[in-house]
């Protein structure tokens, strides 16, 4: 792998990143690496992701992963949701500044409803006695792939815990974007193990998401991932 070179305070972008027009995210990552953490060169193990990479991982299948545009009518077995929950709990145990909500729709044995995951203490709390799955459509800005059976995962930052981990709020936010992406990748791989297709977006209607999950001001949703059987 080719890394950027610093010459007279100018950041040299690797050729591969230039070809794909990835200059801005590359500069963002390098600046974060340079000023964010005292232990930036220390190896960190993310068990919730490594487990997916060593257990049934297939490189060709991962590269050719499917992104759906329409959702199938097939219900999801409860075992699929349980696998996703295990992955989330494992991730939240390590990433204590993150939180997650889930909306189930068409999962066998489960109500169509929003749920909030907590890891201190470990719990899964149903937030509504009515079917609020249509709110997912508004959260995802009216995009058609928000409808239908599937598991919708909402990932976000808990500022109360983030302040304990990072002294600088801007660094906390930037690092959280990376951490949310890593957790999202673990969920994508878990879904792949379960023969699901995934689609994700940071284009979240935050006010609606906060209302549905009954969030305090200390929590902000940053990312939404849908896992479904594609049509």
C-alpha atoms as a PDB file:
ATOM      1  CA  UNK A   1       0.000   0.000   0.000  1.00  0.00           C
ATOM      2  CA  UNK A   2       1.240   3.499  -0.864  1.00  0.00           C
ATOM      3  CA  UNK A   3       0.913   6.165   1.793  1.00  0.00           C
ATOM      4  CA  UNK A   4       0.855   9.955   1.442  1.00  0.00           C
ATOM      5  CA  UNK A   5       4.111  11.816   1.670  1.00  0.00           C
ATOM      6  CA  UNK A   6       4.498  15.111   3.505  1.00  0.00           C
ATOM      7  CA  UNK A   7       6.810  17.489   1.655  1.00  0.00           C
ATOM      8  CA  UNK A   8       7.055  21.113   2.858  1.00  0.00           C
ATOM      9  CA  UNK A   9       3.748  20.667   4.711  1.00  0.00           C
ATOM     10  CA  UNK A  10       1.997  19.586   1.497  1.00  0.00           C
ATOM     11  CA  UNK A  11       0.088  16.309   1.534  1.00  0.00           C
ATOM     12  CA  UNK A  12       0.882  14.099  -1.446  1.00  0.00           C
ATOM     13  CA  UNK A  13      -2.151  11.978  -2.419  1.00  0.00           C
ATOM     14  CA  UNK A  14      -1.455   8.361  -3.518  1.00  0.00           C
ATOM     15  CA  UNK A  15      -2.203   7.678  -7.174  1.00  0.00           C
ATOM     16  CA  UNK A  16      -4.972   5.145  -6.445  1.00  0.00           C
ATOM     17  CA  UNK A  17      -6.872   7.681  -4.337  1.00  0.00           C
ATOM     18  CA  UNK A  18      -6.510  10.333  -7.062  1.00  0.00           C
ATOM     19  CA  UNK A  19      -7.814   7.968  -9.752  1.00  0.00           C
ATOM     20  CA  UNK A  20     -11.033   7.381  -7.810  1.00  0.00           C
ATOM     21  CA  UNK A  21     -11.388  11.033  -6.742  1.00  0.00           C
ATOM     22  CA  UNK A  22     -10.926  10.187  -3.062  1.00  0.00           C
ATOM     23  CA  UNK A  23      -8.681  13.149  -2.211  1.00  0.00           C
ATOM     24  CA  UNK A  24     -11.003  14.738   0.356  1.00  0.00           C
ATOM     25  CA  UNK A  25     -11.600  11.619   2.492  1.00  0.00           C
ATOM     26  CA  UNK A  26      -7.879  10.814   2.293  1.00  0.00           C
ATOM     27  CA  UNK A  27      -6.888  14.250   3.619  1.00  0.00           C
ATOM     28  CA  UNK A  28      -9.563  13.973   6.327  1.00  0.00           C
ATOM     29  CA  UNK A  29      -8.229  10.603   7.482  1.00  0.00           C
ATOM     30  CA  UNK A  30      -4.602  11.701   7.467  1.00  0.00           C
ATOM     31  CA  UNK A  31      -5.372  14.864   9.432  1.00  0.00           C
ATOM     32  CA  UNK A  32      -7.333  12.846  11.950  1.00  0.00           C
ATOM     33  CA  UNK A  33      -4.489  10.363  12.243  1.00  0.00           C
ATOM     34  CA  UNK A  34      -1.945  13.156  12.738  1.00  0.00           C
ATOM     35  CA  UNK A  35      -3.801  15.106  15.399  1.00  0.00           C
ATOM     36  CA  UNK A  36      -6.349  12.799  16.927  1.00  0.00           C
ATOM     37  CA  UNK A  37      -4.822  10.164  19.161  1.00  0.00           C
ATOM     38  CA  UNK A  38      -1.675   9.731  21.200  1.00  0.00           C
ATOM     39  CA  UNK A  39      -1.815   6.017  20.425  1.00  0.00           C
ATOM     40  CA  UNK A  40      -2.388   6.406  16.690  1.00  0.00           C
ATOM     41  CA  UNK A  41       0.272   3.791  15.896  1.00  0.00           C
ATOM     42  CA  UNK A  42      -0.887   1.268  18.495  1.00  0.00           C
ATOM     43  CA  UNK A  43      -2.579  -1.864  17.166  1.00  0.00           C
ATOM     44  CA  UNK A  44      -6.261  -2.078  18.060  1.00  0.00           C
ATOM     45  CA  UNK A  45      -8.244  -5.270  17.839  1.00  0.00           C
ATOM     46  CA  UNK A  46     -11.935  -5.016  16.978  1.00  0.00           C
ATOM     47  CA  UNK A  47     -13.259  -8.431  17.872  1.00  0.00           C
ATOM     48  CA  UNK A  48     -16.744  -7.773  16.532  1.00  0.00           C
ATOM     49  CA  UNK A  49     -15.251  -7.223  13.061  1.00  0.00           C
ATOM     50  CA  UNK A  50     -12.440  -9.792  13.184  1.00  0.00           C
ATOM     51  CA  UNK A  51     -14.943 -12.526  14.059  1.00  0.00           C
ATOM     52  CA  UNK A  52     -16.708 -11.877  10.758  1.00  0.00           C
ATOM     53  CA  UNK A  53     -13.449 -11.936   8.816  1.00  0.00           C
ATOM     54  CA  UNK A  54     -12.289 -15.313  10.124  1.00  0.00           C
ATOM     55  CA  UNK A  55     -15.609 -17.156  10.316  1.00  0.00           C
ATOM     56  CA  UNK A  56     -17.024 -18.065   6.930  1.00  0.00           C
ATOM     57  CA  UNK A  57     -15.537 -14.998   5.253  1.00  0.00           C
ATOM     58  CA  UNK A  58     -15.199 -15.220   1.483  1.00  0.00           C
ATOM     59  CA  UNK A  59     -13.251 -12.421  -0.211  1.00  0.00           C
ATOM     60  CA  UNK A  60     -14.872 -12.755  -3.643  1.00  0.00           C
ATOM     61  CA  UNK A  61     -18.329 -12.834  -2.103  1.00  0.00           C
ATOM     62  CA  UNK A  62     -17.557  -9.778   0.015  1.00  0.00           C
ATOM     63  CA  UNK A  63     -16.315  -7.793  -2.963  1.00  0.00           C
ATOM     64  CA  UNK A  64     -19.407  -8.705  -4.988  1.00  0.00           C
ATOM     65  CA  UNK A  65     -21.840  -7.980  -2.153  1.00  0.00           C
ATOM     66  CA  UNK A  66     -25.315  -6.962  -3.226  1.00  0.00           C
ATOM     67  CA  UNK A  67     -26.968  -3.590  -2.711  1.00  0.00           C
ATOM     68  CA  UNK A  68     -30.732  -3.834  -3.137  1.00  0.00           C
ATOM     69  CA  UNK A  69     -33.215  -1.448  -4.721  1.00  0.00           C
ATOM     70  CA  UNK A  70     -36.402  -3.376  -3.913  1.00  0.00           C
ATOM     71  CA  UNK A  71     -37.357  -5.577  -0.984  1.00  0.00           C
ATOM     72  CA  UNK A  72     -38.706  -9.121  -1.188  1.00  0.00           C
ATOM     73  CA  UNK A  73     -41.904 -10.287   0.507  1.00  0.00           C
ATOM     74  CA  UNK A  74     -40.166 -13.110   2.403  1.00  0.00           C
ATOM     75  CA  UNK A  75     -40.195 -12.842   6.189  1.00  0.00           C
ATOM     76  CA  UNK A  76     -36.903 -12.904   8.071  1.00  0.00           C
ATOM     77  CA  UNK A  77     -36.335 -15.821  10.491  1.00  0.00           C
ATOM     78  CA  UNK A  78     -35.879 -14.798  14.112  1.00  0.00           C
ATOM     79  CA  UNK A  79     -32.401 -16.383  14.001  1.00  0.00           C
ATOM     80  CA  UNK A  80     -31.314 -13.666  11.552  1.00  0.00           C
ATOM     81  CA  UNK A  81     -32.322 -10.896  13.948  1.00  0.00           C
ATOM     82  CA  UNK A  82     -30.626 -12.710  16.817  1.00  0.00           C
ATOM     83  CA  UNK A  83     -27.370 -12.832  14.815  1.00  0.00           C
ATOM     84  CA  UNK A  84     -27.594  -9.105  14.094  1.00  0.00           C
ATOM     85  CA  UNK A  85     -28.261  -8.373  17.773  1.00  0.00           C
ATOM     86  CA  UNK A  86     -25.246 -10.453  18.830  1.00  0.00           C
ATOM     87  CA  UNK A  87     -23.080  -8.492  16.424  1.00  0.00           C
ATOM     88  CA  UNK A  88     -24.416  -5.180  17.728  1.00  0.00           C
ATOM     89  CA  UNK A  89     -24.022  -6.083  21.399  1.00  0.00           C
ATOM     90  CA  UNK A  90     -20.463  -7.228  20.759  1.00  0.00           C
ATOM     91  CA  UNK A  91     -19.681  -3.947  18.999  1.00  0.00           C
ATOM     92  CA  UNK A  92     -21.336  -1.697  21.601  1.00  0.00           C
ATOM     93  CA  UNK A  93     -19.451  -3.416  24.410  1.00  0.00           C
ATOM     94  CA  UNK A  94     -16.221  -2.174  22.818  1.00  0.00           C
ATOM     95  CA  UNK A  95     -17.471   1.069  21.247  1.00  0.00           C
ATOM     96  CA  UNK A  96     -19.033   2.476  24.426  1.00  0.00           C
ATOM     97  CA  UNK A  97     -19.556   5.940  22.902  1.00  0.00           C
ATOM     98  CA  UNK A  98     -21.963   4.500  20.320  1.00  0.00           C
ATOM     99  CA  UNK A  99     -25.590   3.417  20.623  1.00  0.00           C
ATOM    100  CA  UNK A 100     -27.971   1.569  18.329  1.00  0.00           C
ATOM    101  CA  UNK A 101     -31.672   1.395  17.606  1.00  0.00           C
ATOM    102  CA  UNK A 102     -33.471  -1.238  15.534  1.00  0.00           C
ATOM    103  CA  UNK A 103     -36.755  -1.268  13.643  1.00  0.00           C
ATOM    104  CA  UNK A 104     -38.137  -4.729  12.899  1.00  0.00           C
ATOM    105  CA  UNK A 105     -40.592  -5.343  10.080  1.00  0.00           C
ATOM    106  CA  UNK A 106     -41.595  -8.838   9.029  1.00  0.00           C
ATOM    107  CA  UNK A 107     -39.320 -10.722  11.436  1.00  0.00           C
ATOM    108  CA  UNK A 108     -40.848 -14.023  12.560  1.00  0.00           C
ATOM    109  CA  UNK A 109     -41.875 -13.961  16.228  1.00  0.00           C
ATOM    110  CA  UNK A 110     -41.166 -10.230  16.610  1.00  0.00           C
ATOM    111  CA  UNK A 111     -43.519  -7.258  16.558  1.00  0.00           C
ATOM    112  CA  UNK A 112     -43.142  -4.616  13.863  1.00  0.00           C
ATOM    113  CA  UNK A 113     -41.700  -1.961  16.144  1.00  0.00           C
ATOM    114  CA  UNK A 114     -38.711   0.205  17.064  1.00  0.00           C
ATOM    115  CA  UNK A 115     -36.281  -0.983  19.743  1.00  0.00           C
ATOM    116  CA  UNK A 116     -33.372   0.626  21.599  1.00  0.00           C
ATOM    117  CA  UNK A 117     -30.259  -1.328  22.536  1.00  0.00           C
ATOM    118  CA  UNK A 118     -28.420  -0.495  25.731  1.00  0.00           C
ATOM    119  CA  UNK A 119     -25.187  -2.051  26.892  1.00  0.00           C
ATOM    120  CA  UNK A 120     -25.040  -0.441  30.363  1.00  0.00           C
ATOM    121  CA  UNK A 121     -26.925  -2.530  31.470  1.00  0.00           C
ATOM    122  CA  UNK A 122     -27.438  -4.853  28.509  1.00  0.00           C
ATOM    123  CA  UNK A 123     -31.049  -4.562  27.409  1.00  0.00           C
ATOM    124  CA  UNK A 124     -33.362  -4.399  24.403  1.00  0.00           C
ATOM    125  CA  UNK A 125     -36.270  -2.020  25.016  1.00  0.00           C
ATOM    126  CA  UNK A 126     -39.393  -1.846  22.857  1.00  0.00           C
ATOM    127  CA  UNK A 127     -40.279   1.815  22.381  1.00  0.00           C
ATOM    128  CA  UNK A 128     -43.821   1.698  21.028  1.00  0.00           C
ATOM    129  CA  UNK A 129     -46.882  -0.505  21.236  1.00  0.00           C
ATOM    130  CA  UNK A 130     -47.898   0.506  17.703  1.00  0.00           C
ATOM    131  CA  UNK A 131     -46.353  -0.193  14.302  1.00  0.00           C
ATOM    132  CA  UNK A 132     -43.980   2.735  13.629  1.00  0.00           C
ATOM    133  CA  UNK A 133     -42.172   1.148  10.682  1.00  0.00           C
ATOM    134  CA  UNK A 134     -43.538   3.787   8.272  1.00  0.00           C
ATOM    135  CA  UNK A 135     -41.412   6.315  10.142  1.00  0.00           C
ATOM    136  CA  UNK A 136     -38.373   4.643   8.583  1.00  0.00           C
ATOM    137  CA  UNK A 137     -39.520   6.086   5.237  1.00  0.00           C
ATOM    138  CA  UNK A 138     -39.368   9.607   6.668  1.00  0.00           C
ATOM    139  CA  UNK A 139     -36.053   8.955   8.440  1.00  0.00           C
ATOM    140  CA  UNK A 140     -34.557   7.902   5.088  1.00  0.00           C
ATOM    141  CA  UNK A 141     -35.867  11.033   3.338  1.00  0.00           C
ATOM    142  CA  UNK A 142     -38.634   9.185   1.447  1.00  0.00           C
ATOM    143  CA  UNK A 143     -36.332   6.757  -0.370  1.00  0.00           C
ATOM    144  CA  UNK A 144     -38.276   3.769  -1.692  1.00  0.00           C
ATOM    145  CA  UNK A 145     -35.905   1.135  -0.315  1.00  0.00           C
ATOM    146  CA  UNK A 146     -36.975   2.167   3.203  1.00  0.00           C
ATOM    147  CA  UNK A 147     -40.240   0.239   2.789  1.00  0.00           C
ATOM    148  CA  UNK A 148     -40.883  -3.454   3.256  1.00  0.00           C
ATOM    149  CA  UNK A 149     -39.764  -6.331   5.414  1.00  0.00           C
ATOM    150  CA  UNK A 150     -36.337  -6.166   6.951  1.00  0.00           C
ATOM    151  CA  UNK A 151     -34.151  -5.000   9.819  1.00  0.00           C
ATOM    152  CA  UNK A 152     -33.305  -1.301  10.023  1.00  0.00           C
ATOM    153  CA  UNK A 153     -30.323  -0.436  12.237  1.00  0.00           C
ATOM    154  CA  UNK A 154     -29.733   3.146  13.386  1.00  0.00           C
ATOM    155  CA  UNK A 155     -26.229   3.906  14.685  1.00  0.00           C
ATOM    156  CA  UNK A 156     -25.257   7.046  16.540  1.00  0.00           C
ATOM    157  CA  UNK A 157     -23.080   8.812  19.062  1.00  0.00           C
ATOM    158  CA  UNK A 158     -23.681   9.065  22.798  1.00  0.00           C
ATOM    159  CA  UNK A 159     -21.967  12.352  23.691  1.00  0.00           C
ATOM    160  CA  UNK A 160     -21.953  11.535  27.404  1.00  0.00           C
ATOM    161  CA  UNK A 161     -19.642   8.576  26.777  1.00  0.00           C
ATOM    162  CA  UNK A 162     -17.785  10.266  23.898  1.00  0.00           C
ATOM    163  CA  UNK A 163     -16.587  13.080  26.152  1.00  0.00           C
ATOM    164  CA  UNK A 164     -15.022  10.511  28.446  1.00  0.00           C
ATOM    165  CA  UNK A 165     -13.118   8.943  25.526  1.00  0.00           C
ATOM    166  CA  UNK A 166     -12.101  12.063  23.575  1.00  0.00           C
ATOM    167  CA  UNK A 167     -11.223  15.456  25.031  1.00  0.00           C
ATOM    168  CA  UNK A 168     -11.895  17.367  21.789  1.00  0.00           C
ATOM    169  CA  UNK A 169     -15.551  17.299  20.565  1.00  0.00           C
ATOM    170  CA  UNK A 170     -14.482  17.629  16.909  1.00  0.00           C
ATOM    171  CA  UNK A 171     -12.096  14.704  17.253  1.00  0.00           C
ATOM    172  CA  UNK A 172     -14.859  12.747  19.024  1.00  0.00           C
ATOM    173  CA  UNK A 173     -17.232  13.335  16.111  1.00  0.00           C
ATOM    174  CA  UNK A 174     -14.641  12.469  13.469  1.00  0.00           C
ATOM    175  CA  UNK A 175     -13.557   9.305  15.258  1.00  0.00           C
ATOM    176  CA  UNK A 176     -17.189   8.310  15.718  1.00  0.00           C
ATOM    177  CA  UNK A 177     -17.762   8.503  11.950  1.00  0.00           C
ATOM    178  CA  UNK A 178     -14.952   5.976  11.507  1.00  0.00           C
ATOM    179  CA  UNK A 179     -16.238   3.768  14.322  1.00  0.00           C
ATOM    180  CA  UNK A 180     -19.800   3.804  12.984  1.00  0.00           C
ATOM    181  CA  UNK A 181     -18.430   2.800   9.575  1.00  0.00           C
ATOM    182  CA  UNK A 182     -16.537  -0.119  11.135  1.00  0.00           C
ATOM    183  CA  UNK A 183     -19.618  -1.344  13.011  1.00  0.00           C
ATOM    184  CA  UNK A 184     -21.652  -0.936   9.827  1.00  0.00           C
ATOM    185  CA  UNK A 185     -19.147  -3.078   7.937  1.00  0.00           C
ATOM    186  CA  UNK A 186     -19.423  -5.786  10.598  1.00  0.00           C
ATOM    187  CA  UNK A 187     -23.220  -5.702  10.223  1.00  0.00           C
ATOM    188  CA  UNK A 188     -22.892  -5.889   6.441  1.00  0.00           C
ATOM    189  CA  UNK A 189     -20.711  -9.008   6.739  1.00  0.00           C
ATOM    190  CA  UNK A 190     -23.083 -10.544   9.291  1.00  0.00           C
ATOM    191  CA  UNK A 191     -25.987  -9.908   6.952  1.00  0.00           C
ATOM    192  CA  UNK A 192     -24.011 -11.504   4.148  1.00  0.00           C
ATOM    193  CA  UNK A 193     -23.595 -14.652   6.283  1.00  0.00           C
ATOM    194  CA  UNK A 194     -27.397 -14.682   6.590  1.00  0.00           C
ATOM    195  CA  UNK A 195     -27.931 -14.242   2.801  1.00  0.00           C
ATOM    196  CA  UNK A 196     -29.219 -10.704   3.257  1.00  0.00           C
ATOM    197  CA  UNK A 197     -28.542  -7.674   1.086  1.00  0.00           C
ATOM    198  CA  UNK A 198     -27.666  -4.338   2.674  1.00  0.00           C
ATOM    199  CA  UNK A 199     -28.046  -0.673   1.934  1.00  0.00           C
ATOM    200  CA  UNK A 200     -26.852   2.206   4.082  1.00  0.00           C
ATOM    201  CA  UNK A 201     -26.873   5.987   4.198  1.00  0.00           C
ATOM    202  CA  UNK A 202     -25.837   8.946   6.385  1.00  0.00           C
ATOM    203  CA  UNK A 203     -28.743  10.957   4.915  1.00  0.00           C
ATOM    204  CA  UNK A 204     -30.845  10.716   8.072  1.00  0.00           C
ATOM    205  CA  UNK A 205     -33.785  12.905   9.121  1.00  0.00           C
ATOM    206  CA  UNK A 206     -32.394  13.305  12.620  1.00  0.00           C
ATOM    207  CA  UNK A 207     -35.474  14.833  14.252  1.00  0.00           C
ATOM    208  CA  UNK A 208     -37.703  11.926  13.189  1.00  0.00           C
ATOM    209  CA  UNK A 209     -35.102   9.345  14.219  1.00  0.00           C
ATOM    210  CA  UNK A 210     -34.720  11.003  17.617  1.00  0.00           C
ATOM    211  CA  UNK A 211     -38.488  11.084  18.123  1.00  0.00           C
ATOM    212  CA  UNK A 212     -38.985   7.437  17.165  1.00  0.00           C
ATOM    213  CA  UNK A 213     -36.157   6.213  19.428  1.00  0.00           C
ATOM    214  CA  UNK A 214     -37.126   8.630  22.237  1.00  0.00           C
ATOM    215  CA  UNK A 215     -33.562   9.937  22.442  1.00  0.00           C
ATOM    216  CA  UNK A 216     -32.186  12.465  24.894  1.00  0.00           C
ATOM    217  CA  UNK A 217     -30.149  15.445  23.714  1.00  0.00           C
ATOM    218  CA  UNK A 218     -27.003  13.452  24.498  1.00  0.00           C
ATOM    219  CA  UNK A 219     -27.640  11.100  21.547  1.00  0.00           C
ATOM    220  CA  UNK A 220     -27.522  11.759  17.801  1.00  0.00           C
ATOM    221  CA  UNK A 221     -28.243   9.251  15.014  1.00  0.00           C
ATOM    222  CA  UNK A 222     -25.530   9.328  12.324  1.00  0.00           C
ATOM    223  CA  UNK A 223     -26.148   6.339  10.068  1.00  0.00           C
ATOM    224  CA  UNK A 224     -28.881   3.946   8.972  1.00  0.00           C
ATOM    225  CA  UNK A 225     -28.417   0.435   7.559  1.00  0.00           C
ATOM    226  CA  UNK A 226     -31.163  -1.806   6.175  1.00  0.00           C
ATOM    227  CA  UNK A 227     -30.740  -5.588   5.963  1.00  0.00           C
ATOM    228  CA  UNK A 228     -33.320  -7.418   3.828  1.00  0.00           C
ATOM    229  CA  UNK A 229     -34.007 -10.333   1.550  1.00  0.00           C
ATOM    230  CA  UNK A 230     -33.881  -8.603  -1.850  1.00  0.00           C
ATOM    231  CA  UNK A 231     -36.619  -8.894  -4.437  1.00  0.00           C
END
